[in-house]
Amino acid sequence: MKYTPKQIGKLVRDTRKQLGVTQKGLALTSGTGLRFIIDLEKGKPTCQVGKVLTVLQTLGIDMSLTPPRQAETDGE
């Protein structure tokens, strides 16, 4: 499934709220800044991928990457 920055932001916001965590609390526990969390939840497309991955892990959100079929067979 292909996700847009807005969809990822919504997933982060919805999960954070479901867990009862504030934006400030998420920023503290994920080692990011409050401004970063706000931007991520708004779907800012230029958020740093490393920090996004950290926030997803902090919230317990699993992510799966699947290479194209051709790339899978080329490596064998």
C-alpha atoms as a PDB file:
ATOM      1  CA  MET A   1       0.000   0.000   0.000  1.00  0.00           C
ATOM      2  CA  LYS A   2       1.251   3.464  -0.861  1.00  0.00           C
ATOM      3  CA  TYR A   3       0.941   6.116   1.859  1.00  0.00           C
ATOM      4  CA  THR A   4       1.033   9.880   1.468  1.00  0.00           C
ATOM      5  CA  PRO A   5       2.621  12.168   4.081  1.00  0.00           C
ATOM      6  CA  LYS A   6      -0.904  13.290   5.064  1.00  0.00           C
ATOM      7  CA  GLN A   7      -2.024   9.679   5.612  1.00  0.00           C
ATOM      8  CA  ILE A   8       1.055   8.920   7.725  1.00  0.00           C
ATOM      9  CA  GLY A   9       0.446  12.082   9.737  1.00  0.00           C
ATOM     10  CA  LYS A  10      -3.164  11.086  10.355  1.00  0.00           C
ATOM     11  CA  LEU A  11      -2.101   7.592  11.408  1.00  0.00           C
ATOM     12  CA  VAL A  12       0.428   9.062  13.852  1.00  0.00           C
ATOM     13  CA  ARG A  13      -2.103  11.542  15.259  1.00  0.00           C
ATOM     14  CA  ASP A  14      -4.883   8.947  15.593  1.00  0.00           C
ATOM     15  CA  THR A  15      -2.579   6.408  17.242  1.00  0.00           C
ATOM     16  CA  ARG A  16      -1.121   8.995  19.616  1.00  0.00           C
ATOM     17  CA  LYS A  17      -4.590  10.109  20.690  1.00  0.00           C
ATOM     18  CA  GLN A  18      -5.776   6.509  21.062  1.00  0.00           C
ATOM     19  CA  LEU A  19      -2.840   5.881  23.402  1.00  0.00           C
ATOM     20  CA  GLY A  20      -3.657   9.025  25.384  1.00  0.00           C
ATOM     21  CA  VAL A  21      -0.304  10.665  24.647  1.00  0.00           C
ATOM     22  CA  THR A  22       0.141  14.396  24.095  1.00  0.00           C
ATOM     23  CA  GLN A  23       2.206  15.797  21.257  1.00  0.00           C
ATOM     24  CA  LYS A  24       4.705  17.039  23.825  1.00  0.00           C
ATOM     25  CA  GLY A  25       4.844  13.614  25.465  1.00  0.00           C
ATOM     26  CA  LEU A  26       5.435  11.911  22.125  1.00  0.00           C
ATOM     27  CA  ALA A  27       8.182  14.396  21.301  1.00  0.00           C
ATOM     28  CA  LEU A  28       9.903  13.650  24.622  1.00  0.00           C
ATOM     29  CA  THR A  29       9.637   9.867  24.400  1.00  0.00           C
ATOM     30  CA  SER A  30      10.717   9.727  20.747  1.00  0.00           C
ATOM     31  CA  GLY A  31      13.620  12.148  21.174  1.00  0.00           C
ATOM     32  CA  THR A  32      12.228  14.617  18.657  1.00  0.00           C
ATOM     33  CA  GLY A  33      10.901  18.132  19.054  1.00  0.00           C
ATOM     34  CA  LEU A  34       7.339  19.314  19.493  1.00  0.00           C
ATOM     35  CA  ARG A  35       7.509  21.246  16.199  1.00  0.00           C
ATOM     36  CA  PHE A  36       8.525  18.035  14.411  1.00  0.00           C
ATOM     37  CA  ILE A  37       5.518  16.128  15.813  1.00  0.00           C
ATOM     38  CA  ILE A  38       3.173  18.951  14.805  1.00  0.00           C
ATOM     39  CA  ASP A  39       4.608  19.038  11.277  1.00  0.00           C
ATOM     40  CA  LEU A  40       4.496  15.245  10.958  1.00  0.00           C
ATOM     41  CA  GLU A  41       0.859  15.091  12.037  1.00  0.00           C
ATOM     42  CA  LYS A  42      -0.011  17.810   9.531  1.00  0.00           C
ATOM     43  CA  GLY A  43       1.535  15.698   6.767  1.00  0.00           C
ATOM     44  CA  LYS A  44       4.551  17.853   5.997  1.00  0.00           C
ATOM     45  CA  PRO A  45       6.259  16.026   3.119  1.00  0.00           C
ATOM     46  CA  THR A  46       9.792  17.140   4.027  1.00  0.00           C
ATOM     47  CA  CYS A  47       9.947  15.554   7.502  1.00  0.00           C
ATOM     48  CA  GLN A  48      13.178  13.627   8.064  1.00  0.00           C
ATOM     49  CA  VAL A  49      12.599   9.939   7.385  1.00  0.00           C
ATOM     50  CA  GLY A  50      14.808   8.814  10.271  1.00  0.00           C
ATOM     51  CA  LYS A  51      12.775  10.790  12.762  1.00  0.00           C
ATOM     52  CA  VAL A  52       9.517   9.586  11.211  1.00  0.00           C
ATOM     53  CA  LEU A  53      10.664   5.976  11.657  1.00  0.00           C
ATOM     54  CA  THR A  54      11.581   6.700  15.284  1.00  0.00           C
ATOM     55  CA  VAL A  55       8.125   8.160  15.983  1.00  0.00           C
ATOM     56  CA  LEU A  56       6.422   5.184  14.310  1.00  0.00           C
ATOM     57  CA  GLN A  57       8.466   2.779  16.441  1.00  0.00           C
ATOM     58  CA  THR A  58       7.759   4.780  19.594  1.00  0.00           C
ATOM     59  CA  LEU A  59       4.011   4.467  18.931  1.00  0.00           C
ATOM     60  CA  GLY A  60       4.293   0.765  18.084  1.00  0.00           C
ATOM     61  CA  ILE A  61       3.267   1.277  14.454  1.00  0.00           C
ATOM     62  CA  ASP A  62       4.639  -1.475  12.223  1.00  0.00           C
ATOM     63  CA  MET A  63       5.815  -0.674   8.733  1.00  0.00           C
ATOM     64  CA  SER A  64       6.512  -3.118   5.938  1.00  0.00           C
ATOM     65  CA  LEU A  65       8.518  -2.468   2.782  1.00  0.00           C
ATOM     66  CA  THR A  66       8.260  -4.828  -0.157  1.00  0.00           C
ATOM     67  CA  PRO A  67      10.612  -4.588  -3.120  1.00  0.00           C
ATOM     68  CA  PRO A  68       9.223  -5.006  -6.627  1.00  0.00           C
ATOM     69  CA  ARG A  69       8.984  -8.621  -7.805  1.00  0.00           C
ATOM     70  CA  GLN A  70      11.820  -8.242 -10.321  1.00  0.00           C
ATOM     71  CA  ALA A  71      14.203  -6.988  -7.618  1.00  0.00           C
ATOM     72  CA  GLU A  72      13.383 -10.060  -5.508  1.00  0.00           C
ATOM     73  CA  THR A  73      14.249 -12.513  -8.295  1.00  0.00           C
ATOM     74  CA  ASP A  74      17.353 -10.606  -9.470  1.00  0.00           C
ATOM     75  CA  GLY A  75      19.042 -11.161  -6.121  1.00  0.00           C
ATOM     76  CA  GLU A  76      18.642 -14.957  -6.169  1.00  0.00           C
END
